[in-house]
Protein backbone atom coordinates (compact mmCIF):
# COMPACT_ATOMS: atom_id res chain seq x y z
CA MET A 1 -5.32 -49.77 -34.96
CA ILE A 2 -2.62 -52.35 -34.28
CA ALA A 3 -3.22 -54.42 -37.43
CA PRO A 4 -0.12 -53.07 -39.20
CA VAL A 5 2.02 -53.90 -36.15
CA ILE A 6 0.58 -57.42 -35.97
CA ASP A 7 1.24 -57.86 -39.69
CA GLN A 8 4.83 -56.73 -39.25
CA ILE A 9 5.40 -59.07 -36.29
CA ALA A 10 3.84 -61.93 -38.28
CA ASP A 11 6.26 -61.25 -41.11
CA ASP A 12 9.29 -60.81 -38.84
CA TYR A 13 8.56 -64.06 -36.97
CA LYS A 14 7.04 -66.05 -39.85
CA ASN A 15 9.37 -69.02 -39.37
CA ILE A 16 8.82 -69.11 -35.60
CA ILE A 17 5.16 -68.38 -34.85
CA LYS A 18 1.75 -68.56 -36.48
CA VAL A 19 -0.34 -65.38 -36.34
CA VAL A 20 -4.11 -65.61 -36.71
CA LYS A 21 -6.54 -62.69 -36.72
CA ILE A 22 -10.18 -63.19 -35.85
CA ASN A 23 -13.01 -60.74 -36.42
CA THR A 24 -14.96 -60.90 -33.16
CA ASP A 25 -18.16 -59.64 -34.82
CA GLU A 26 -18.03 -62.54 -37.26
CA ASN A 27 -16.96 -65.07 -34.59
CA PRO A 28 -19.02 -64.36 -31.46
CA THR A 29 -18.61 -67.91 -30.15
CA THR A 30 -14.84 -67.56 -30.09
CA SER A 31 -15.15 -64.16 -28.43
CA THR A 32 -17.29 -65.66 -25.71
CA GLU A 33 -15.09 -68.73 -25.27
CA TYR A 34 -12.02 -66.59 -24.60
CA SER A 35 -13.88 -63.82 -22.71
CA ILE A 36 -12.86 -61.11 -25.16
CA ARG A 37 -14.41 -57.88 -23.92
CA SER A 38 -12.04 -55.30 -25.39
CA ILE A 39 -10.69 -54.85 -28.86
CA PRO A 40 -7.91 -55.26 -29.70
CA THR A 41 -7.05 -58.32 -27.66
CA VAL A 42 -3.89 -60.25 -28.49
CA MET A 43 -3.58 -63.76 -27.08
CA ILE A 44 -0.49 -65.93 -27.08
CA PHE A 45 -0.94 -69.69 -27.24
CA ILE A 46 1.65 -72.42 -26.82
CA ASN A 47 0.61 -75.94 -27.80
CA GLY A 48 -3.04 -74.86 -27.85
CA GLN A 49 -2.98 -73.38 -24.34
CA LYS A 50 -3.44 -69.65 -23.77
CA VAL A 51 -0.38 -68.39 -21.89
CA ASP A 52 -0.73 -64.62 -22.13
CA THR A 53 -3.08 -61.82 -23.15
CA VAL A 54 -2.37 -58.23 -24.13
CA ILE A 55 -5.40 -55.94 -24.17
CA GLY A 56 -5.64 -52.59 -25.88
CA ALA A 57 -3.76 -50.64 -28.52
CA VAL A 58 -0.30 -51.04 -27.05
CA PRO A 59 3.06 -50.17 -28.62
CA LYS A 60 4.90 -52.75 -30.69
CA SER A 61 7.51 -53.02 -27.94
CA THR A 62 4.85 -54.22 -25.47
CA LEU A 63 3.66 -56.93 -27.86
CA LEU A 64 7.23 -58.01 -28.58
CA ASN A 65 8.08 -58.16 -24.87
CA ALA A 66 5.11 -60.45 -24.22
CA LEU A 67 5.92 -62.62 -27.22
CA ASN A 68 9.64 -62.86 -26.53
CA LYS A 69 9.02 -63.72 -22.87
CA HIS A 70 7.26 -66.89 -24.00
CA LEU A 71 9.62 -67.64 -26.87
CA ASN A 72 12.55 -67.46 -24.47
CA LYS A 73 10.79 -69.86 -22.07
CA GLN A 74 10.21 -72.29 -24.93
CA ASN A 75 13.86 -72.09 -26.02
CA LYS A 76 15.02 -72.81 -22.46
CA LYS A 77 12.76 -75.86 -22.31
CA SER A 78 14.19 -77.11 -25.59
CA ILE A 79 17.74 -76.84 -24.27
CA ILE A 80 17.09 -78.66 -20.99
């Protein structure tokens, strides 16, 4: 349901972030490792560490708010 939104965000931010989609049916080990119980689940990682999770078919604005919150934190760290 949110695949087109994820694709659009991936394109809009292609020079800033890496977007990866995983089919949980084909990757049950990954689903278990990250305790994915609802689909869709969007996870944000920074330097390999999970920093945020958005669960459910949410509006694009919700996904962008979560993403930008962490991008802004990273930019502030780069400046300091």
